[in-house]
PDB file of N, CA and C in Angstrom:
ATOM      1  N   VAL A   1     135.005  83.132  67.474  1.00  0.00           N
ATOM      2  CA  VAL A   1     135.913  82.033  67.717  1.00  0.00           C
ATOM      3  C   VAL A   1     135.161  80.705  67.642  1.00  0.00           C
ATOM      4  N   LEU A   2     133.933  80.681  68.136  1.00  0.00           N
ATOM      5  CA  LEU A   2     133.195  79.420  68.154  1.00  0.00           C
ATOM      6  C   LEU A   2     132.771  78.968  66.767  1.00  0.00           C
ATOM      7  N   VAL A   3     132.331  79.914  65.926  1.00  0.00           N
ATOM      8  CA  VAL A   3     131.814  79.534  64.610  1.00  0.00           C
ATOM      9  C   VAL A   3     132.562  80.203  63.465  1.00  0.00           C
ATOM     10  N   GLY A   4     133.592  80.963  63.762  1.00  0.00           N
ATOM     11  CA  GLY A   4     134.362  81.609  62.718  1.00  0.00           C
ATOM     12  C   GLY A   4     133.879  83.024  62.447  1.00  0.00           C
ATOM     13  N   VAL A   5     134.240  83.546  61.281  1.00  0.00           N
ATOM     14  CA  VAL A   5     133.907  84.924  60.939  1.00  0.00           C
ATOM     15  C   VAL A   5     132.845  85.033  59.847  1.00  0.00           C
ATOM     16  N   ASP A   6     132.347  83.927  59.375  1.00  0.00           N
ATOM     17  CA  ASP A   6     131.334  83.934  58.317  1.00  0.00           C
ATOM     18  C   ASP A   6     129.986  84.359  58.897  1.00  0.00           C
ATOM     19  N   ASN A   7     129.422  85.441  58.350  1.00  0.00           N
ATOM     20  CA  ASN A   7     128.159  85.967  58.869  1.00  0.00           C
ATOM     21  C   ASN A   7     127.004  84.986  58.736  1.00  0.00           C
ATOM     22  N   ARG A   8     127.088  84.073  57.815  1.00  0.00           N
ATOM     23  CA  ARG A   8     126.018  83.073  57.682  1.00  0.00           C
ATOM     24  C   ARG A   8     125.968  82.148  58.886  1.00  0.00           C
ATOM     25  N   ARG A   9     127.053  82.056  59.617  1.00  0.00           N
ATOM     26  CA  ARG A   9     127.081  81.247  60.845  1.00  0.00           C
ATOM     27  C   ARG A   9     126.997  82.104  62.097  1.00  0.00           C
ATOM     28  N   VAL A  10     127.616  83.283  62.053  1.00  0.00           N
ATOM     29  CA  VAL A  10     127.672  84.140  63.239  1.00  0.00           C
ATOM     30  C   VAL A  10     126.287  84.658  63.615  1.00  0.00           C
ATOM     31  N   LEU A  11     125.512  85.129  62.645  1.00  0.00           N
ATOM     32  CA  LEU A  11     124.202  85.716  62.953  1.00  0.00           C
ATOM     33  C   LEU A  11     123.224  84.711  63.562  1.00  0.00           C
ATOM     34  N   PRO A  12     123.040  83.533  62.985  1.00  0.00           N
ATOM     35  CA  PRO A  12     122.139  82.578  63.648  1.00  0.00           C
ATOM     36  C   PRO A  12     122.640  82.155  65.028  1.00  0.00           C
ATOM     37  N   MET A  13     123.954  82.001  65.182  1.00  0.00           N
ATOM     38  CA  MET A  13     124.484  81.608  66.483  1.00  0.00           C
ATOM     39  C   MET A  13     124.286  82.716  67.511  1.00  0.00           C
ATOM     40  N   SER A  14     124.448  83.968  67.099  1.00  0.00           N
ATOM     41  CA  SER A  14     124.237  85.065  68.045  1.00  0.00           C
ATOM     42  C   SER A  14     122.770  85.177  68.437  1.00  0.00           C
ATOM     43  N   LEU A  15     121.854  84.861  67.529  1.00  0.00           N
ATOM     44  CA  LEU A  15     120.428  84.838  67.871  1.00  0.00           C
ATOM     45  C   LEU A  15     120.134  83.764  68.910  1.00  0.00           C
ATOM     46  N   LEU A  16     120.689  82.592  68.699  1.00  0.00           N
ATOM     47  CA  LEU A  16     120.446  81.496  69.637  1.00  0.00           C
ATOM     48  C   LEU A  16     121.083  81.747  71.000  1.00  0.00           C
ATOM     49  N   VAL A  17     122.339  82.155  71.001  1.00  0.00           N
ATOM     50  CA  VAL A  17     123.039  82.373  72.265  1.00  0.00           C
ATOM     51  C   VAL A  17     122.458  83.574  73.010  1.00  0.00           C
ATOM     52  N   GLY A  18     122.137  84.641  72.285  1.00  0.00           N
ATOM     53  CA  GLY A  18     121.546  85.813  72.925  1.00  0.00           C
ATOM     54  C   GLY A  18     120.179  85.512  73.516  1.00  0.00           C
ATOM     55  N   GLY A  19     119.362  84.774  72.787  1.00  0.00           N
ATOM     56  CA  GLY A  19     118.055  84.389  73.304  1.00  0.00           C
ATOM     57  C   GLY A  19     118.162  83.491  74.519  1.00  0.00           C
ATOM     58  N   LEU A  20     119.068  82.551  74.469  1.00  0.00           N
ATOM     59  CA  LEU A  20     119.285  81.660  75.612  1.00  0.00           C
ATOM     60  C   LEU A  20     119.797  82.429  76.828  1.00  0.00           C
ATOM     61  N   PHE A  21     120.694  83.379  76.589  1.00  0.00           N
ATOM     62  CA  PHE A  21     121.212  84.210  77.674  1.00  0.00           C
ATOM     63  C   PHE A  21     120.096  85.004  78.344  1.00  0.00           C
ATOM     64  N   LEU A  22     119.222  85.622  77.546  1.00  0.00           N
ATOM     65  CA  LEU A  22     118.128  86.391  78.126  1.00  0.00           C
ATOM     66  C   LEU A  22     117.115  85.499  78.821  1.00  0.00           C
ATOM     67  N   LEU A  23     116.898  84.323  78.304  1.00  0.00           N
ATOM     68  CA  LEU A  23     115.990  83.380  78.962  1.00  0.00           C
ATOM     69  C   LEU A  23     116.526  82.981  80.334  1.00  0.00           C
ATOM     70  N   ILE A  24     117.806  82.668  80.412  1.00  0.00           N
ATOM     71  CA  ILE A  24     118.425  82.304  81.686  1.00  0.00           C
ATOM     72  C   ILE A  24     118.410  83.490  82.650  1.00  0.00           C
ATOM     73  N   ALA A  25     118.703  84.694  82.145  1.00  0.00           N
ATOM     74  CA  ALA A  25     118.680  85.879  82.997  1.00  0.00           C
ATOM     75  C   ALA A  25     117.275  86.151  83.519  1.00  0.00           C
ATOM     76  N   ASP A  26     116.269  85.939  82.692  1.00  0.00           N
ATOM     77  CA  ASP A  26     114.888  86.144  83.121  1.00  0.00           C
ATOM     78  C   ASP A  26     114.490  85.148  84.207  1.00  0.00           C
ATOM     79  N   VAL A  27     114.847  83.896  84.014  1.00  0.00           N
ATOM     80  CA  VAL A  27     114.532  82.877  85.020  1.00  0.00           C
ATOM     81  C   VAL A  27     115.243  83.197  86.336  1.00  0.00           C
ATOM     82  N   LEU A  28     116.507  83.606  86.258  1.00  0.00           N
ATOM     83  CA  LEU A  28     117.239  83.971  87.473  1.00  0.00           C
ATOM     84  C   LEU A  28     116.613  85.180  88.159  1.00  0.00           C
ATOM     85  N   SER A  29     116.211  86.175  87.374  1.00  0.00           N
ATOM     86  CA  SER A  29     115.645  87.377  87.981  1.00  0.00           C
ATOM     87  C   SER A  29     114.314  87.092  88.668  1.00  0.00           C
ATOM     88  N   ARG A  30     113.584  86.110  88.189  1.00  0.00           N
ATOM     89  CA  ARG A  30     112.300  85.773  88.800  1.00  0.00           C
ATOM     90  C   ARG A  30     112.436  84.837  89.999  1.00  0.00           C
ATOM     91  N   THR A  31     113.508  84.069  90.063  1.00  0.00           N
ATOM     92  CA  THR A  31     113.609  83.049  91.113  1.00  0.00           C
ATOM     93  C   THR A  31     114.588  83.383  92.233  1.00  0.00           C
ATOM     94  N   LEU A  32     115.485  84.334  92.050  1.00  0.00           N
ATOM     95  CA  LEU A  32     116.481  84.611  93.078  1.00  0.00           C
ATOM     96  C   LEU A  32     115.888  85.282  94.315  1.00  0.00           C
ATOM     97  N   MET A  33     114.878  86.123  94.131  1.00  0.00           N
ATOM     98  CA  MET A  33     114.292  86.829  95.268  1.00  0.00           C
ATOM     99  C   MET A  33     112.779  86.619  95.299  1.00  0.00           C
ATOM    100  N   VAL A  34     112.370  85.427  95.621  1.00  0.00           N
ATOM    101  CA  VAL A  34     110.947  85.133  95.728  1.00  0.00           C
ATOM    102  C   VAL A  34     110.441  85.750  97.018  1.00  0.00           C
ATOM    103  N   PRO A  35     109.365  86.452  97.113  1.00  0.00           N
ATOM    104  CA  PRO A  35     108.269  86.639  96.177  1.00  0.00           C
ATOM    105  C   PRO A  35     108.464  87.825  95.235  1.00  0.00           C
ATOM    106  N   GLY A  36     109.552  88.587  95.340  1.00  0.00           N
ATOM    107  CA  GLY A  36     109.774  89.719  94.449  1.00  0.00           C
ATOM    108  C   GLY A  36     110.562  89.319  93.221  1.00  0.00           C
ATOM    109  N   GLU A  37     110.916  90.323  92.439  1.00  0.00           N
ATOM    110  CA  GLU A  37     111.714  90.091  91.240  1.00  0.00           C
ATOM    111  C   GLU A  37     112.859  91.084  91.193  1.00  0.00           C
ATOM    112  N   LEU A  38     113.985  90.630  90.700  1.00  0.00           N
ATOM    113  CA  LEU A  38     115.094  91.525  90.407  1.00  0.00           C
ATOM    114  C   LEU A  38     114.914  92.055  88.988  1.00  0.00           C
ATOM    115  N   PRO A  39     115.377  93.263  88.719  1.00  0.00           N
ATOM    116  CA  PRO A  39     115.336  93.741  87.333  1.00  0.00           C
ATOM    117  C   PRO A  39     116.243  92.877  86.450  1.00  0.00           C
ATOM    118  N   ILE A  40     115.768  92.543  85.266  1.00  0.00           N
ATOM    119  CA  ILE A  40     116.557  91.683  84.374  1.00  0.00           C
ATOM    120  C   ILE A  40     117.839  92.385  83.937  1.00  0.00           C
ATOM    121  N   GLY A  41     117.812  93.714  83.887  1.00  0.00           N
ATOM    122  CA  GLY A  41     119.013  94.469  83.545  1.00  0.00           C
ATOM    123  C   GLY A  41     120.125  94.284  84.552  1.00  0.00           C
ATOM    124  N   LEU A  42     119.766  94.082  85.792  1.00  0.00           N
ATOM    125  CA  LEU A  42     120.767  93.833  86.834  1.00  0.00           C
ATOM    126  C   LEU A  42     121.473  92.508  86.590  1.00  0.00           C
ATOM    127  N   ILE A  43     120.706  91.489  86.265  1.00  0.00           N
ATOM    128  CA  ILE A  43     121.286  90.164  86.005  1.00  0.00           C
ATOM    129  C   ILE A  43     122.170  90.212  84.748  1.00  0.00           C
ATOM    130  N   THR A  44     121.673  90.833  83.677  1.00  0.00           N
ATOM    131  CA  THR A  44     122.457  90.870  82.442  1.00  0.00           C
ATOM    132  C   THR A  44     123.734  91.680  82.609  1.00  0.00           C
ATOM    133  N   SER A  45     123.678  92.757  83.413  1.00  0.00           N
ATOM    134  CA  SER A  45     124.890  93.548  83.613  1.00  0.00           C
ATOM    135  C   SER A  45     125.894  92.825  84.505  1.00  0.00           C
ATOM    136  N   LEU A  46     125.408  92.063  85.491  1.00  0.00           N
ATOM    137  CA  LEU A  46     126.323  91.304  86.349  1.00  0.00           C
ATOM    138  C   LEU A  46     127.039  90.197  85.582  1.00  0.00           C
ATOM    139  N   ILE A  47     126.369  89.634  84.600  1.00  0.00           N
ATOM    140  CA  ILE A  47     126.989  88.579  83.798  1.00  0.00           C
ATOM    141  C   ILE A  47     127.730  89.171  82.605  1.00  0.00           C
ATOM    142  N   GLY A  48     127.117  90.118  81.923  1.00  0.00           N
ATOM    143  CA  GLY A  48     127.683  90.667  80.693  1.00  0.00           C
ATOM    144  C   GLY A  48     128.857  91.596  80.901  1.00  0.00           C
ATOM    145  N   GLY A  49     128.854  92.364  81.993  1.00  0.00           N
ATOM    146  CA  GLY A  49     129.947  93.302  82.247  1.00  0.00           C
ATOM    147  C   GLY A  49     131.299  92.627  82.346  1.00  0.00           C
ATOM    148  N   PRO A  50     131.439  91.654  83.243  1.00  0.00           N
ATOM    149  CA  PRO A  50     132.733  90.954  83.322  1.00  0.00           C
ATOM    150  C   PRO A  50     133.096  90.213  82.028  1.00  0.00           C
ATOM    151  N   PHE A  51     132.082  89.698  81.328  1.00  0.00           N
ATOM    152  CA  PHE A  51     132.359  89.008  80.067  1.00  0.00           C
ATOM    153  C   PHE A  51     132.970  89.965  79.050  1.00  0.00           C
ATOM    154  N   PHE A  52     132.379  91.152  78.891  1.00  0.00           N
ATOM    155  CA  PHE A  52     132.908  92.100  77.910  1.00  0.00           C
ATOM    156  C   PHE A  52     134.250  92.679  78.340  1.00  0.00           C
ATOM    157  N   MET A  53     134.465  92.848  79.639  1.00  0.00           N
ATOM    158  CA  MET A  53     135.777  93.301  80.091  1.00  0.00           C
ATOM    159  C   MET A  53     136.847  92.260  79.769  1.00  0.00           C
ATOM    160  N   ALA A  54     136.517  90.986  79.993  1.00  0.00           N
ATOM    161  CA  ALA A  54     137.463  89.916  79.658  1.00  0.00           C
ATOM    162  C   ALA A  54     137.709  89.867  78.156  1.00  0.00           C
ATOM    163  N   LEU A  55     136.674  90.083  77.381  1.00  0.00           N
ATOM    164  CA  LEU A  55     136.813  90.092  75.924  1.00  0.00           C
ATOM    165  C   LEU A  55     137.706  91.237  75.461  1.00  0.00           C
ATOM    166  N   ILE A  56     137.505  92.415  76.026  1.00  0.00           N
ATOM    167  CA  ILE A  56     138.335  93.568  75.669  1.00  0.00           C
ATOM    168  C   ILE A  56     139.786  93.328  76.058  1.00  0.00           C
ATOM    169  N   LEU A  57     140.011  92.830  77.267  1.00  0.00           N
ATOM    170  CA  LEU A  57     141.386  92.560  77.692  1.00  0.00           C
ATOM    171  C   LEU A  57     142.043  91.478  76.847  1.00  0.00           C
ATOM    172  N   TRP A  58     141.278  90.464  76.472  1.00  0.00           N
ATOM    173  CA  TRP A  58     141.805  89.399  75.627  1.00  0.00           C
ATOM    174  C   TRP A  58     142.197  89.941  74.254  1.00  0.00           C
ATOM    175  N   ARG A  59     141.337  90.799  73.682  1.00  0.00           N
ATOM    176  CA  ARG A  59     141.647  91.398  72.381  1.00  0.00           C
ATOM    177  C   ARG A  59     142.860  92.318  72.466  1.00  0.00           C
ATOM    178  N   HIS A  60     142.917  93.098  73.545  1.00  0.00           N
ATOM    179  CA  HIS A  60     144.030  94.040  73.710  1.00  0.00           C
ATOM    180  C   HIS A  60     145.350  93.294  73.885  1.00  0.00           C
ATOM    181  N   LYS A  61     145.334  92.193  74.604  1.00  0.00           N
ATOM    182  CA  LYS A  61     146.536  91.408  74.824  1.00  0.00           C
ATOM    183  C   LYS A  61     147.037  90.818  73.504  1.00  0.00           C
ATOM    184  N   GLY A  62     146.125  90.440  72.627  1.00  0.00           N
ATOM    185  CA  GLY A  62     146.507  89.880  71.345  1.00  0.00           C
ATOM    186  C   GLY A  62     147.151  90.886  70.423  1.00  0.00           C
ATOM    187  N   ARG A  63     146.782  92.170  70.538  1.00  0.00           N
ATOM    188  CA  ARG A  63     147.356  93.220  69.684  1.00  0.00           C
ATOM    189  C   ARG A  63     148.695  93.731  70.197  1.00  0.00           C
ATOM    190  N   ALA A  64     148.955  93.546  71.472  1.00  0.00           N
ATOM    191  CA  ALA A  64     150.188  94.092  72.053  1.00  0.00           C
ATOM    192  C   ALA A  64     151.424  93.337  71.570  1.00  0.00           C
ATOM    193  N   ARG A  65     151.261  92.153  71.061  1.00  0.00           N
ATOM    194  CA  ARG A  65     152.417  91.349  70.647  1.00  0.00           C
ATOM    195  C   ARG A  65     152.886  91.696  69.289  1.00  0.00           C
TER     196      ARG A  65
END
């Protein structure tokens, strides 16, 4: 939706957004529980799970019409 369906735009954007997402998740995992660390998988699943559920529901709602 942000850049369309052209792979020449989607692939570079997914690299940038995915890298930024992992960078933010890594920083959060290192700083939320000082002096310890949270597993980065925990942070990515807490953010990514609801995002993908919303995406699935949004797609499903669009097909029901």
